[in-house]
Amino acid sequence: MIIQISVACIAAAFIVLVYFLIKTLISAKASLEQVTETLAHIDAKVDAISQETVKLMHTTQQITDDVQGKMKSVDTLFRSIGQVGESVSQVSASVKQVSATVSDSVRRAGDRVNRERNQVAEVMEWATLGLQLWRKWQSRKRSVEQLPKNPNERVGNDV
């Protein structure tokens, strides 16, 4: 009889153990399903962010290439203008210095564009400044060319 009671106690303990084990496994399964769902959601967001980042990097690279091409065109123009008279060459030297500064800034920004996309705005400001200086220089060049070469020459009819 004691053996039967012992076997019954062991069976009851085993049933209780199995019951709590099943509850634990069900809880673990629910947690794993929730983790799986969360990871799938995060994976989708990471994919979307990755795609946007790649698009941004391509756009930034295109802008950098465009700015560099335009700066090369401006450099060529400055070289040809540098051959005009002494007063124009002083202005040209100033413009070349500004152009070199802008070009250097653009090149450095091009190297860092993949790491720091906010610097593109700064490069554009420099390019705008260079273009404004170039336009001022062109305006001054035209006004210098319109001045009479002989100080005794008169412009228009003064009589």
C-alpha atoms as a PDB file:
ATOM      1  CA  MET A   1       0.000   0.000   0.000  1.00  0.00           C
ATOM      2  CA  ILE A   2       2.809   2.443   0.767  1.00  0.00           C
ATOM      3  CA  ILE A   3       4.242   1.703  -2.633  1.00  0.00           C
ATOM      4  CA  GLN A   4       0.926   2.514  -4.272  1.00  0.00           C
ATOM      5  CA  ILE A   5       0.670   5.813  -2.344  1.00  0.00           C
ATOM      6  CA  SER A   6       4.275   6.642  -3.288  1.00  0.00           C
ATOM      7  CA  VAL A   7       3.593   5.857  -6.943  1.00  0.00           C
ATOM      8  CA  ALA A   8       0.413   7.988  -6.785  1.00  0.00           C
ATOM      9  CA  CYS A   9       2.400  10.905  -5.228  1.00  0.00           C
ATOM     10  CA  ILE A  10       5.113  10.561  -7.850  1.00  0.00           C
ATOM     11  CA  ALA A  11       2.454  10.501 -10.588  1.00  0.00           C
ATOM     12  CA  ALA A  12       0.737  13.580  -9.112  1.00  0.00           C
ATOM     13  CA  ALA A  13       4.079  15.411  -8.833  1.00  0.00           C
ATOM     14  CA  PHE A  14       4.894  14.463 -12.416  1.00  0.00           C
ATOM     15  CA  ILE A  15       1.501  15.730 -13.619  1.00  0.00           C
ATOM     16  CA  VAL A  16       2.006  19.060 -11.769  1.00  0.00           C
ATOM     17  CA  LEU A  17       5.528  19.329 -13.194  1.00  0.00           C
ATOM     18  CA  VAL A  18       4.269  18.624 -16.724  1.00  0.00           C
ATOM     19  CA  TYR A  19       1.445  21.179 -16.278  1.00  0.00           C
ATOM     20  CA  PHE A  20       3.844  23.977 -15.254  1.00  0.00           C
ATOM     21  CA  LEU A  21       6.312  22.926 -17.925  1.00  0.00           C
ATOM     22  CA  ILE A  22       3.568  23.214 -20.570  1.00  0.00           C
ATOM     23  CA  LYS A  23       2.577  26.672 -19.250  1.00  0.00           C
ATOM     24  CA  THR A  24       6.232  27.769 -19.391  1.00  0.00           C
ATOM     25  CA  LEU A  25       6.623  26.456 -22.939  1.00  0.00           C
ATOM     26  CA  ILE A  26       3.428  28.197 -24.080  1.00  0.00           C
ATOM     27  CA  SER A  27       4.637  31.463 -22.539  1.00  0.00           C
ATOM     28  CA  ALA A  28       8.053  31.036 -24.172  1.00  0.00           C
ATOM     29  CA  LYS A  29       6.378  30.326 -27.528  1.00  0.00           C
ATOM     30  CA  ALA A  30       4.275  33.494 -27.251  1.00  0.00           C
ATOM     31  CA  SER A  31       7.378  35.530 -26.381  1.00  0.00           C
ATOM     32  CA  LEU A  32       9.304  34.078 -29.322  1.00  0.00           C
ATOM     33  CA  GLU A  33       6.410  34.834 -31.689  1.00  0.00           C
ATOM     34  CA  GLN A  34       6.344  38.413 -30.437  1.00  0.00           C
ATOM     35  CA  VAL A  35      10.122  38.723 -30.856  1.00  0.00           C
ATOM     36  CA  THR A  36       9.849  37.273 -34.379  1.00  0.00           C
ATOM     37  CA  GLU A  37       7.114  39.752 -35.271  1.00  0.00           C
ATOM     38  CA  THR A  38       9.136  42.644 -33.849  1.00  0.00           C
ATOM     39  CA  LEU A  39      12.251  41.563 -35.759  1.00  0.00           C
ATOM     40  CA  ALA A  40      10.280  41.309 -39.003  1.00  0.00           C
ATOM     41  CA  HIS A  41       8.933  44.820 -38.435  1.00  0.00           C
ATOM     42  CA  ILE A  42      12.411  46.154 -37.666  1.00  0.00           C
ATOM     43  CA  ASP A  43      13.824  44.355 -40.717  1.00  0.00           C
ATOM     44  CA  ALA A  44      11.239  46.031 -42.951  1.00  0.00           C
ATOM     45  CA  LYS A  45      12.081  49.440 -41.505  1.00  0.00           C
ATOM     46  CA  VAL A  46      15.818  48.854 -41.902  1.00  0.00           C
ATOM     47  CA  ASP A  47      15.269  47.862 -45.541  1.00  0.00           C
ATOM     48  CA  ALA A  48      13.266  51.036 -46.178  1.00  0.00           C
ATOM     49  CA  ILE A  49      15.880  53.183 -44.456  1.00  0.00           C
ATOM     50  CA  SER A  50      18.662  51.459 -46.401  1.00  0.00           C
ATOM     51  CA  GLN A  51      16.925  52.156 -49.695  1.00  0.00           C
ATOM     52  CA  GLU A  52      16.413  55.803 -48.804  1.00  0.00           C
ATOM     53  CA  THR A  53      20.050  56.084 -47.719  1.00  0.00           C
ATOM     54  CA  VAL A  54      21.264  54.611 -51.014  1.00  0.00           C
ATOM     55  CA  LYS A  55      19.054  57.039 -52.971  1.00  0.00           C
ATOM     56  CA  LEU A  56      20.381  59.941 -50.906  1.00  0.00           C
ATOM     57  CA  MET A  57      23.974  58.851 -51.464  1.00  0.00           C
ATOM     58  CA  HIS A  58      23.422  58.616 -55.238  1.00  0.00           C
ATOM     59  CA  THR A  59      21.779  62.035 -55.347  1.00  0.00           C
ATOM     60  CA  THR A  60      24.564  63.547 -53.275  1.00  0.00           C
ATOM     61  CA  GLN A  61      27.188  61.984 -55.532  1.00  0.00           C
ATOM     62  CA  GLN A  62      25.447  63.404 -58.617  1.00  0.00           C
ATOM     63  CA  ILE A  63      25.345  66.860 -57.073  1.00  0.00           C
ATOM     64  CA  THR A  64      29.019  66.630 -56.155  1.00  0.00           C
ATOM     65  CA  ASP A  65      29.968  65.485 -59.676  1.00  0.00           C
ATOM     66  CA  ASP A  66      27.924  68.322 -61.195  1.00  0.00           C
ATOM     67  CA  VAL A  67      29.525  70.926 -58.937  1.00  0.00           C
ATOM     68  CA  GLN A  68      33.015  69.585 -59.688  1.00  0.00           C
ATOM     69  CA  GLY A  69      32.354  69.687 -63.459  1.00  0.00           C
ATOM     70  CA  LYS A  70      31.137  73.250 -63.226  1.00  0.00           C
ATOM     71  CA  MET A  71      34.136  74.226 -61.127  1.00  0.00           C
ATOM     72  CA  LYS A  72      36.448  72.784 -63.828  1.00  0.00           C
ATOM     73  CA  SER A  73      34.658  74.910 -66.425  1.00  0.00           C
ATOM     74  CA  VAL A  74      35.043  77.962 -64.227  1.00  0.00           C
ATOM     75  CA  ASP A  75      38.766  77.185 -63.734  1.00  0.00           C
ATOM     76  CA  THR A  76      39.266  77.091 -67.521  1.00  0.00           C
ATOM     77  CA  LEU A  77      37.481  80.396 -67.892  1.00  0.00           C
ATOM     78  CA  PHE A  78      39.629  81.993 -65.189  1.00  0.00           C
ATOM     79  CA  ARG A  79      42.820  80.809 -66.905  1.00  0.00           C
ATOM     80  CA  SER A  80      41.833  82.476 -70.191  1.00  0.00           C
ATOM     81  CA  ILE A  81      40.754  85.690 -68.496  1.00  0.00           C
ATOM     82  CA  GLY A  82      44.054  85.918 -66.614  1.00  0.00           C
ATOM     83  CA  GLN A  83      45.745  87.027 -69.850  1.00  0.00           C
ATOM     84  CA  VAL A  84      43.965  90.417 -69.996  1.00  0.00           C
ATOM     85  CA  GLY A  85      45.739  93.746 -68.888  1.00  0.00           C
ATOM     86  CA  GLU A  86      47.440  94.531 -65.564  1.00  0.00           C
ATOM     87  CA  SER A  87      44.415  95.930 -63.719  1.00  0.00           C
ATOM     88  CA  VAL A  88      42.229  93.046 -64.916  1.00  0.00           C
ATOM     89  CA  SER A  89      44.913  90.547 -63.899  1.00  0.00           C
ATOM     90  CA  GLN A  90      44.785  91.839 -60.302  1.00  0.00           C
ATOM     91  CA  VAL A  91      41.039  91.269 -60.202  1.00  0.00           C
ATOM     92  CA  SER A  92      41.530  87.903 -61.890  1.00  0.00           C
ATOM     93  CA  ALA A  93      44.081  86.869 -59.256  1.00  0.00           C
ATOM     94  CA  SER A  94      41.546  87.638 -56.550  1.00  0.00           C
ATOM     95  CA  VAL A  95      38.879  85.632 -58.339  1.00  0.00           C
ATOM     96  CA  LYS A  96      41.292  82.732 -58.858  1.00  0.00           C
ATOM     97  CA  GLN A  97      42.072  82.723 -55.150  1.00  0.00           C
ATOM     98  CA  VAL A  98      38.366  82.615 -54.318  1.00  0.00           C
ATOM     99  CA  SER A  99      37.851  79.947 -56.975  1.00  0.00           C
ATOM    100  CA  ALA A 100      40.683  77.841 -55.553  1.00  0.00           C
ATOM    101  CA  THR A 101      39.179  78.161 -52.079  1.00  0.00           C
ATOM    102  CA  VAL A 102      35.746  77.172 -53.366  1.00  0.00           C
ATOM    103  CA  SER A 103      37.197  74.356 -55.459  1.00  0.00           C
ATOM    104  CA  ASP A 104      39.175  73.058 -52.488  1.00  0.00           C
ATOM    105  CA  SER A 105      36.065  73.182 -50.314  1.00  0.00           C
ATOM    106  CA  VAL A 106      34.067  71.345 -52.964  1.00  0.00           C
ATOM    107  CA  ARG A 107      36.714  68.637 -53.325  1.00  0.00           C
ATOM    108  CA  ARG A 108      36.933  68.108 -49.571  1.00  0.00           C
ATOM    109  CA  ALA A 109      33.150  68.017 -49.353  1.00  0.00           C
ATOM    110  CA  GLY A 110      33.106  65.471 -52.190  1.00  0.00           C
ATOM    111  CA  ASP A 111      35.398  63.216 -50.180  1.00  0.00           C
ATOM    112  CA  ARG A 112      33.200  63.480 -47.124  1.00  0.00           C
ATOM    113  CA  VAL A 113      29.827  63.499 -48.871  1.00  0.00           C
ATOM    114  CA  ASN A 114      29.162  59.851 -48.033  1.00  0.00           C
ATOM    115  CA  ARG A 115      29.722  60.582 -44.368  1.00  0.00           C
ATOM    116  CA  GLU A 116      28.285  64.060 -43.917  1.00  0.00           C
ATOM    117  CA  ARG A 117      25.408  64.964 -46.233  1.00  0.00           C
ATOM    118  CA  ASN A 118      24.796  68.304 -44.488  1.00  0.00           C
ATOM    119  CA  GLN A 119      28.006  69.733 -45.950  1.00  0.00           C
ATOM    120  CA  VAL A 120      26.473  69.838 -49.434  1.00  0.00           C
ATOM    121  CA  ALA A 121      24.600  72.991 -48.458  1.00  0.00           C
ATOM    122  CA  GLU A 122      27.873  74.610 -47.414  1.00  0.00           C
ATOM    123  CA  VAL A 123      29.482  73.740 -50.744  1.00  0.00           C
ATOM    124  CA  MET A 124      26.547  75.253 -52.599  1.00  0.00           C
ATOM    125  CA  GLU A 125      26.965  78.468 -50.600  1.00  0.00           C
ATOM    126  CA  TRP A 126      30.628  78.605 -51.613  1.00  0.00           C
ATOM    127  CA  ALA A 127      29.736  77.984 -55.245  1.00  0.00           C
ATOM    128  CA  THR A 128      27.146  80.756 -55.100  1.00  0.00           C
ATOM    129  CA  LEU A 129      29.708  83.113 -53.601  1.00  0.00           C
ATOM    130  CA  GLY A 130      32.189  82.214 -56.351  1.00  0.00           C
ATOM    131  CA  LEU A 131      29.540  82.798 -59.023  1.00  0.00           C
ATOM    132  CA  GLN A 132      28.625  86.158 -57.494  1.00  0.00           C
ATOM    133  CA  LEU A 133      32.268  87.192 -57.430  1.00  0.00           C
ATOM    134  CA  TRP A 134      32.667  86.035 -61.016  1.00  0.00           C
ATOM    135  CA  ARG A 135      29.632  88.095 -62.079  1.00  0.00           C
ATOM    136  CA  LYS A 136      30.982  91.149 -60.264  1.00  0.00           C
ATOM    137  CA  TRP A 137      34.294  90.618 -61.965  1.00  0.00           C
ATOM    138  CA  GLN A 138      32.545  90.346 -65.372  1.00  0.00           C
ATOM    139  CA  SER A 139      30.632  93.556 -64.637  1.00  0.00           C
ATOM    140  CA  ARG A 140      33.842  95.359 -63.720  1.00  0.00           C
ATOM    141  CA  LYS A 141      35.554  93.954 -66.787  1.00  0.00           C
ATOM    142  CA  ARG A 142      32.811  95.341 -69.024  1.00  0.00           C
ATOM    143  CA  SER A 143      32.954  98.729 -67.349  1.00  0.00           C
ATOM    144  CA  VAL A 144      36.770  98.801 -67.735  1.00  0.00           C
ATOM    145  CA  GLU A 145      36.458  97.839 -71.424  1.00  0.00           C
ATOM    146  CA  GLN A 146      33.926 100.638 -71.976  1.00  0.00           C
ATOM    147  CA  LEU A 147      36.290 103.278 -70.579  1.00  0.00           C
ATOM    148  CA  PRO A 148      38.151 105.212 -73.309  1.00  0.00           C
ATOM    149  CA  LYS A 149      41.695 103.944 -73.812  1.00  0.00           C
ATOM    150  CA  ASN A 150      42.941 107.503 -74.333  1.00  0.00           C
ATOM    151  CA  PRO A 151      42.082 109.820 -71.424  1.00  0.00           C
ATOM    152  CA  ASN A 152      41.590 112.702 -73.909  1.00  0.00           C
ATOM    153  CA  GLU A 153      38.974 110.694 -75.866  1.00  0.00           C
ATOM    154  CA  ARG A 154      35.393 111.595 -75.118  1.00  0.00           C
ATOM    155  CA  VAL A 155      32.483 109.272 -74.987  1.00  0.00           C
ATOM    156  CA  GLY A 156      29.452 110.466 -77.010  1.00  0.00           C
ATOM    157  CA  ASN A 157      28.921 114.014 -78.319  1.00  0.00           C
ATOM    158  CA  ASP A 158      29.869 116.658 -75.776  1.00  0.00           C
ATOM    159  CA  VAL A 159      29.750 119.588 -78.257  1.00  0.00           C
END
